[in-house]
Amino acid sequence: MHLVLLCAGLALFCWISWAVRYHFVSENMPFGMKLVSLFSVTGILLFCYFIWNFPPNEIRTCATSILFMITIVLFRWSLAATRGKNFGLAFDPKTPAGITALGPYRYIRHPFYTAYILYWLGCAIATGSELSIVVLGALSALYTIASVREERMFLLSAHAEEYKKYKQRTGHFWPKKATS
């Protein structure tokens, strides 16, 4: 079963990497994105090493499989909602063209980052490795920095008022709790 998990984790990593390369539009790769890439490659190498050498138990395999499935659904939904909108890479300095409130963006402002965090959480759970937890923490911090930076750019753009309203009704990485 651990080989299936290994193949699934690798396939998901490759799909996300391919989609990031061809879905997002940036003139060059910002330094922050280079850091994300470095930690991501480190993370997938650790995942492969630990899954191959120290297969996870059934509970960790099941939890990881669920997180990978949620990642697939959220990432695919986010791709569909942003197709053709020329989203930039993380840390891209260009001013946002507009606000997207379709698909998962109706509930959360940064669903791509949420999908990535869920993927790396799955990898950390699967390996049970402290090194994988460090990768999860580093990448989560980088995604948080990128998202805060993007929000600051929106608030300084012509879309500031619209973004403030959008921000009130949506969660950052997780849906907001419904208020009555």
Foldseek 3Di string as FASTA:
>chain_A
DLVVVLVLLVVLLVVLVVCLVPQADAPDQDPLNVVLVVLSVVLNVLLNVLSVPPFADPVLSVLLVVLSVVLVVLQVQVSVQCGPLRHHHQPHPDQRPDAGCPGCNVFEVCSNLLSVLSSLVSSCSRRVDPSSVVSSVVSNVSSVVSLVVNLVSCCVDPNNVVSVVSPVQYHHNGGDDDDD
